[in-house]
Amino acid sequence: MLGSTKIYGCLADPIDHVKAPTIFTSIFKAKNIDAVMVPIHINKDNLRNVITSLKKIKNFKGMTVTIPHKTSIANLCDHLEQDAEFTQSVNWIKFDKDRKMIGNNFDGQGFIAGFLGQNFIIKNKNVCIFGAGGAAVSIACSLAKQKIKSLQIINRNFDKANELIKKIKVIDKNLFVQANEYNNNYLLNHYDIIINATSLGLHKDDKLPFDVSKTSSNSVIADIIMQPLETELLKIAKNLGRPVHYGKYMIESQIDLAGNFLDLW
């Protein structure tokens, strides 16, 4: 690392699950880009202070943002690009020449691209998503652009789920979409795709977001968690013979989008 090296960060709490620093530092090396990405472990209470400090570090050029900061950091940006403005959720940040902080969100695009890239079909499917904040907002809004048949949002905070419905209706007013509060007895056997977009699964002692045995035998079970690669949810789904979709594809499919946003290539 040289004095000219550009620094990028990955903001999270907890931090041990993040893959972006390894992925992007490897890409920088392969492309002969004088840059590194480092993990930054910070809790919500100190988020504003950290952002204020990072703005003053002139060779700190940008960062990716993950659990649980995606919604909170949108309020700290000086400018939000289109997807971040609409979802009010940010997962990539860059600083302009005046050190103004610009936010964008590629989670939805990344999830869709990764899902289609694994030869799964989205169009005309009944989709159920667990979660209504952060990445879930971006993913749900992107799903609404894919001509799905229906969308069910399940979240502990019913008000937050209803706010997400309002955003989806702006995208497709005719899409059948509804929300339900979290209930472990919820029937899931009529959904083609079921997505865990919560943080449940990051830790070994986390309970499952839903009971996979209550899903249809051909339901695709997707998780956005990247570490562990095979969450307990996906292990159970595989053992039951369900097709599964890993969280790593969401970040891998954002690489080109992020690089363009950060003016790296």
Protein backbone atom coordinates (compact mmCIF):
# COMPACT_ATOMS: atom_id res chain seq x y z
CA MET A 1 0.00 0.00 0.00
CA LEU A 2 1.38 3.38 -1.06
CA GLY A 3 0.78 6.96 0.00
CA SER A 4 -1.26 7.35 -3.19
CA THR A 5 -3.54 4.39 -2.34
CA LYS A 6 -7.26 5.16 -2.35
CA ILE A 7 -9.19 3.77 0.60
CA TYR A 8 -12.70 2.35 0.43
CA GLY A 9 -14.67 0.94 3.34
CA CYS A 10 -17.35 -1.56 4.23
CA LEU A 11 -19.59 -0.30 7.03
CA ALA A 12 -21.38 -2.90 9.16
CA ASP A 13 -22.38 -4.09 12.64
CA PRO A 14 -21.58 -6.94 13.11
CA ILE A 15 -18.60 -7.00 10.75
CA ASP A 16 -17.34 -10.59 10.61
CA HIS A 17 -19.83 -11.67 7.94
CA VAL A 18 -18.84 -9.08 5.31
CA LYS A 19 -17.30 -10.29 2.05
CA ALA A 20 -16.95 -7.01 0.17
CA PRO A 21 -13.46 -6.06 1.47
CA THR A 22 -11.97 -9.34 0.26
CA ILE A 23 -13.85 -9.27 -3.04
CA PHE A 24 -13.06 -5.69 -3.95
CA THR A 25 -9.45 -5.62 -2.75
CA SER A 26 -8.85 -8.70 -4.94
CA ILE A 27 -10.48 -6.95 -7.90
CA PHE A 28 -8.37 -3.83 -7.33
CA LYS A 29 -5.24 -5.97 -7.41
CA ALA A 30 -6.32 -7.85 -10.54
CA LYS A 31 -7.11 -4.60 -12.35
CA ASN A 32 -3.95 -2.84 -11.10
CA ILE A 33 -6.03 -0.23 -9.28
CA ASP A 34 -4.14 1.46 -6.45
CA ALA A 35 -6.89 0.96 -3.84
CA VAL A 36 -7.98 -1.20 -0.92
CA MET A 37 -11.27 -1.83 0.85
CA VAL A 38 -11.27 -2.19 4.63
CA PRO A 39 -13.99 -3.35 7.07
CA ILE A 40 -15.32 -0.65 9.40
CA HIS A 41 -17.17 -1.89 12.47
CA ILE A 42 -19.43 0.80 13.87
CA ASN A 43 -22.72 0.79 15.78
CA LYS A 44 -25.71 2.99 15.07
CA ASP A 45 -25.07 5.36 17.97
CA ASN A 46 -21.72 6.43 16.52
CA LEU A 47 -22.70 6.44 12.86
CA ARG A 48 -23.05 10.21 12.46
CA ASN A 49 -19.70 10.90 14.13
CA VAL A 50 -17.93 8.35 11.96
CA ILE A 51 -19.40 9.80 8.75
CA THR A 52 -18.34 13.31 9.81
CA SER A 53 -14.80 12.03 10.32
CA LEU A 54 -14.65 10.05 7.06
CA LYS A 55 -15.64 13.17 5.12
CA LYS A 56 -12.41 14.77 6.32
CA ILE A 57 -10.17 11.93 5.10
CA LYS A 58 -9.35 13.03 1.58
CA ASN A 59 -8.06 9.68 0.34
CA PHE A 60 -11.15 7.88 1.68
CA LYS A 61 -13.19 7.72 -1.52
CA GLY A 62 -16.31 5.72 -0.71
CA MET A 63 -17.80 2.64 0.87
CA THR A 64 -20.39 -0.07 0.78
CA VAL A 65 -22.95 -0.15 3.59
CA THR A 66 -24.65 -3.19 5.07
CA ILE A 67 -26.61 -4.37 8.13
CA PRO A 68 -27.94 -2.41 10.01
CA HIS A 69 -27.01 0.98 8.53
CA LYS A 70 -28.63 1.09 5.08
CA THR A 71 -31.67 3.12 6.10
CA SER A 72 -29.98 5.30 8.72
CA ILE A 73 -27.19 6.39 6.42
CA ALA A 74 -29.62 7.61 3.77
CA ASN A 75 -30.48 10.46 6.13
CA LEU A 76 -26.80 11.43 6.40
CA CYS A 77 -26.13 11.70 2.67
CA ASP A 78 -25.85 15.08 0.98
CA HIS A 79 -27.37 13.67 -2.19
CA LEU A 80 -29.23 10.47 -3.07
CA GLU A 81 -29.26 9.04 -6.58
CA GLN A 82 -32.51 7.69 -8.02
CA ASP A 83 -32.81 4.21 -6.50
CA ALA A 84 -31.58 5.37 -3.09
CA GLU A 85 -33.92 8.38 -3.14
CA PHE A 86 -36.91 6.19 -3.95
CA THR A 87 -36.14 3.42 -1.45
CA GLN A 88 -34.59 5.69 1.21
CA SER A 89 -31.98 2.96 1.63
CA VAL A 90 -28.29 3.20 0.72
CA ASN A 91 -25.70 0.50 0.20
CA TRP A 92 -23.01 2.40 -1.75
CA ILE A 93 -21.49 5.80 -1.03
CA LYS A 94 -18.95 8.01 -2.74
CA PHE A 95 -17.51 11.44 -1.95
CA ASP A 96 -17.31 14.13 -4.61
CA LYS A 97 -14.50 16.72 -4.95
CA ASP A 98 -16.17 18.88 -2.30
CA ARG A 99 -16.44 15.88 0.06
CA LYS A 100 -20.21 15.79 -0.30
CA MET A 101 -21.55 12.29 0.34
CA ILE A 102 -23.56 10.71 -2.47
CA GLY A 103 -25.60 7.57 -1.86
CA ASN A 104 -27.00 4.91 -4.16
CA ASN A 105 -28.51 1.46 -3.80
CA PHE A 106 -27.78 -1.56 -5.99
CA ASP A 107 -29.17 -4.31 -3.73
CA GLY A 108 -32.33 -4.75 -5.77
CA GLN A 109 -30.55 -4.77 -9.11
CA GLY A 110 -27.89 -7.07 -7.67
CA PHE A 111 -30.42 -9.55 -6.31
CA ILE A 112 -32.39 -9.70 -9.57
CA ALA A 113 -29.26 -10.07 -11.71
CA GLY A 114 -27.87 -12.76 -9.41
CA PHE A 115 -31.15 -14.65 -9.30
CA LEU A 116 -31.62 -14.62 -13.07
CA GLY A 117 -27.95 -15.49 -13.49
CA GLN A 118 -28.60 -18.77 -11.67
CA ASN A 119 -31.28 -19.57 -14.27
CA PHE A 120 -34.23 -18.98 -11.97
CA ILE A 121 -37.38 -17.36 -13.34
CA ILE A 122 -39.05 -14.35 -11.73
CA LYS A 123 -41.77 -13.32 -14.21
CA ASN A 124 -45.31 -14.41 -13.26
CA LYS A 125 -44.14 -15.86 -9.94
CA ASN A 126 -45.73 -15.51 -6.51
CA VAL A 127 -43.05 -14.07 -4.24
CA CYS A 128 -42.83 -13.79 -0.46
CA ILE A 129 -40.18 -11.63 1.20
CA PHE A 130 -39.35 -11.60 4.91
CA GLY A 131 -38.22 -8.13 5.99
CA ALA A 132 -39.19 -4.57 5.11
CA GLY A 133 -36.09 -2.49 5.78
CA GLY A 134 -32.66 -1.95 4.29
CA ALA A 135 -32.01 -4.46 1.52
CA ALA A 136 -35.59 -5.75 1.62
CA VAL A 137 -36.93 -2.40 0.38
CA SER A 138 -34.58 -2.33 -2.59
CA ILE A 139 -35.20 -5.98 -3.48
CA ALA A 140 -38.98 -5.67 -3.20
CA CYS A 141 -39.02 -2.56 -5.39
CA SER A 142 -36.87 -4.28 -8.01
CA LEU A 143 -39.13 -7.34 -7.94
CA ALA A 144 -42.09 -5.07 -8.66
CA LYS A 145 -40.42 -4.15 -11.97
CA GLN A 146 -40.11 -7.79 -13.03
CA LYS A 147 -43.81 -8.49 -13.79
CA ILE A 148 -44.21 -10.90 -10.90
CA LYS A 149 -47.69 -12.24 -10.18
CA SER A 150 -47.89 -11.23 -6.52
CA LEU A 151 -45.79 -10.09 -3.59
CA GLN A 152 -46.28 -10.88 0.09
CA ILE A 153 -44.28 -8.87 2.66
CA ILE A 154 -43.87 -10.35 6.14
CA ASN A 155 -42.32 -8.16 8.81
CA ARG A 156 -42.47 -7.67 12.58
CA ASN A 157 -43.17 -3.97 12.10
CA PHE A 158 -46.48 -3.87 10.22
CA ASP A 159 -46.29 -0.09 9.65
CA LYS A 160 -42.92 -0.44 7.94
CA ALA A 161 -44.31 -3.18 5.70
CA ASN A 162 -47.23 -0.93 4.71
CA GLU A 163 -44.82 1.89 3.88
CA LEU A 164 -43.04 -0.50 1.54
CA ILE A 165 -46.35 -1.36 -0.14
CA LYS A 166 -46.88 2.33 -0.90
CA LYS A 167 -43.51 2.45 -2.67
CA ILE A 168 -44.29 -0.70 -4.66
CA LYS A 169 -47.65 0.69 -5.78
CA VAL A 170 -45.84 3.68 -7.28
CA ILE A 171 -43.86 1.23 -9.43
CA ASP A 172 -46.78 -1.04 -10.37
CA LYS A 173 -50.20 0.04 -9.15
CA ASN A 174 -51.79 -3.17 -10.47
CA LEU A 175 -49.49 -5.61 -8.69
CA PHE A 176 -51.20 -7.67 -6.02
CA VAL A 177 -49.17 -6.94 -2.90
CA GLN A 178 -50.04 -7.31 0.76
CA ALA A 179 -48.35 -7.28 4.14
CA ASN A 180 -48.60 -9.46 7.21
CA GLU A 181 -47.01 -9.31 10.61
CA TYR A 182 -44.50 -12.03 11.38
CA ASN A 183 -46.11 -15.31 12.42
CA ASN A 184 -44.19 -18.58 12.59
CA ASN A 185 -47.36 -20.48 11.67
CA TYR A 186 -47.76 -18.57 8.43
CA LEU A 187 -48.63 -20.81 5.45
CA LEU A 188 -46.08 -20.55 2.65
CA ASN A 189 -47.03 -23.36 0.30
CA HIS A 190 -48.44 -21.15 -2.46
CA TYR A 191 -45.28 -19.08 -3.06
CA ASP A 192 -42.82 -19.84 -5.86
CA ILE A 193 -39.99 -17.76 -4.39
CA ILE A 194 -39.39 -17.06 -0.69
CA ILE A 195 -36.65 -14.62 0.29
CA ASN A 196 -35.07 -14.06 3.69
CA ALA A 197 -34.11 -10.38 3.60
CA THR A 198 -33.70 -10.11 7.38
CA SER A 199 -30.52 -10.47 9.44
CA LEU A 200 -31.71 -13.80 10.91
CA GLY A 201 -29.04 -16.33 10.12
CA LEU A 202 -25.96 -14.24 10.77
CA HIS A 203 -25.44 -15.98 14.12
CA LYS A 204 -25.57 -19.66 14.98
CA ASP A 205 -28.19 -19.15 17.68
CA ASP A 206 -30.55 -17.15 15.44
CA LYS A 207 -33.97 -18.67 15.00
CA LEU A 208 -35.14 -19.41 11.48
CA PRO A 209 -37.09 -16.64 9.72
CA PHE A 210 -39.67 -19.23 8.61
CA ASP A 211 -40.46 -22.95 8.62
CA VAL A 212 -39.18 -24.36 5.32
CA SER A 213 -41.28 -27.51 5.72
CA LYS A 214 -44.37 -25.35 5.18
CA THR A 215 -43.21 -24.30 1.71
CA SER A 216 -44.02 -25.95 -1.61
CA SER A 217 -41.65 -28.70 -2.75
CA ASN A 218 -40.54 -26.59 -5.74
CA SER A 219 -40.30 -23.22 -3.95
CA VAL A 220 -36.98 -21.44 -4.44
CA ILE A 221 -35.59 -20.51 -1.00
CA ALA A 222 -33.32 -17.46 -1.18
CA ASP A 223 -31.19 -15.85 1.51
CA ILE A 224 -29.34 -12.54 1.22
CA ILE A 225 -26.89 -13.36 4.04
CA MET A 226 -23.38 -13.90 2.65
CA GLN A 227 -21.58 -15.31 5.68
CA PRO A 228 -22.11 -18.10 6.38
CA LEU A 229 -22.55 -18.98 2.72
CA GLU A 230 -24.95 -21.78 3.60
CA THR A 231 -27.16 -20.48 6.38
CA GLU A 232 -29.16 -22.83 8.56
CA LEU A 233 -32.22 -21.85 6.51
CA LEU A 234 -30.56 -22.92 3.27
CA LYS A 235 -29.17 -26.12 4.80
CA ILE A 236 -32.66 -27.18 5.84
CA ALA A 237 -34.07 -26.16 2.44
CA LYS A 238 -31.47 -28.29 0.63
CA ASN A 239 -32.14 -31.25 2.91
CA LEU A 240 -35.83 -30.96 2.04
CA GLY A 241 -35.00 -30.90 -1.65
CA ARG A 242 -35.84 -27.24 -2.24
CA PRO A 243 -33.85 -25.26 -4.82
CA VAL A 244 -31.79 -22.60 -3.00
CA HIS A 245 -30.23 -19.25 -3.87
CA TYR A 246 -27.19 -17.94 -2.00
CA GLY A 247 -26.63 -14.42 -0.70
CA LYS A 248 -23.21 -14.10 -2.35
CA TYR A 249 -24.79 -13.61 -5.76
CA MET A 250 -26.34 -10.30 -4.69
CA ILE A 251 -22.96 -8.67 -3.99
CA GLU A 252 -21.16 -10.36 -6.89
CA SER A 253 -23.77 -9.00 -9.29
CA GLN A 254 -23.18 -5.46 -8.00
CA ILE A 255 -19.48 -5.35 -8.82
CA ASP A 256 -19.76 -3.61 -12.18
CA LEU A 257 -22.52 -1.28 -10.95
CA ALA A 258 -20.47 -0.27 -7.93
CA GLY A 259 -17.29 0.19 -9.95
CA ASN A 260 -19.05 2.52 -12.36
CA PHE A 261 -20.68 4.44 -9.52
CA LEU A 262 -17.29 4.89 -7.80
CA ASP A 263 -15.64 5.88 -11.12
CA LEU A 264 -13.18 3.00 -10.78
CA TRP A 265 -13.68 1.61 -14.29
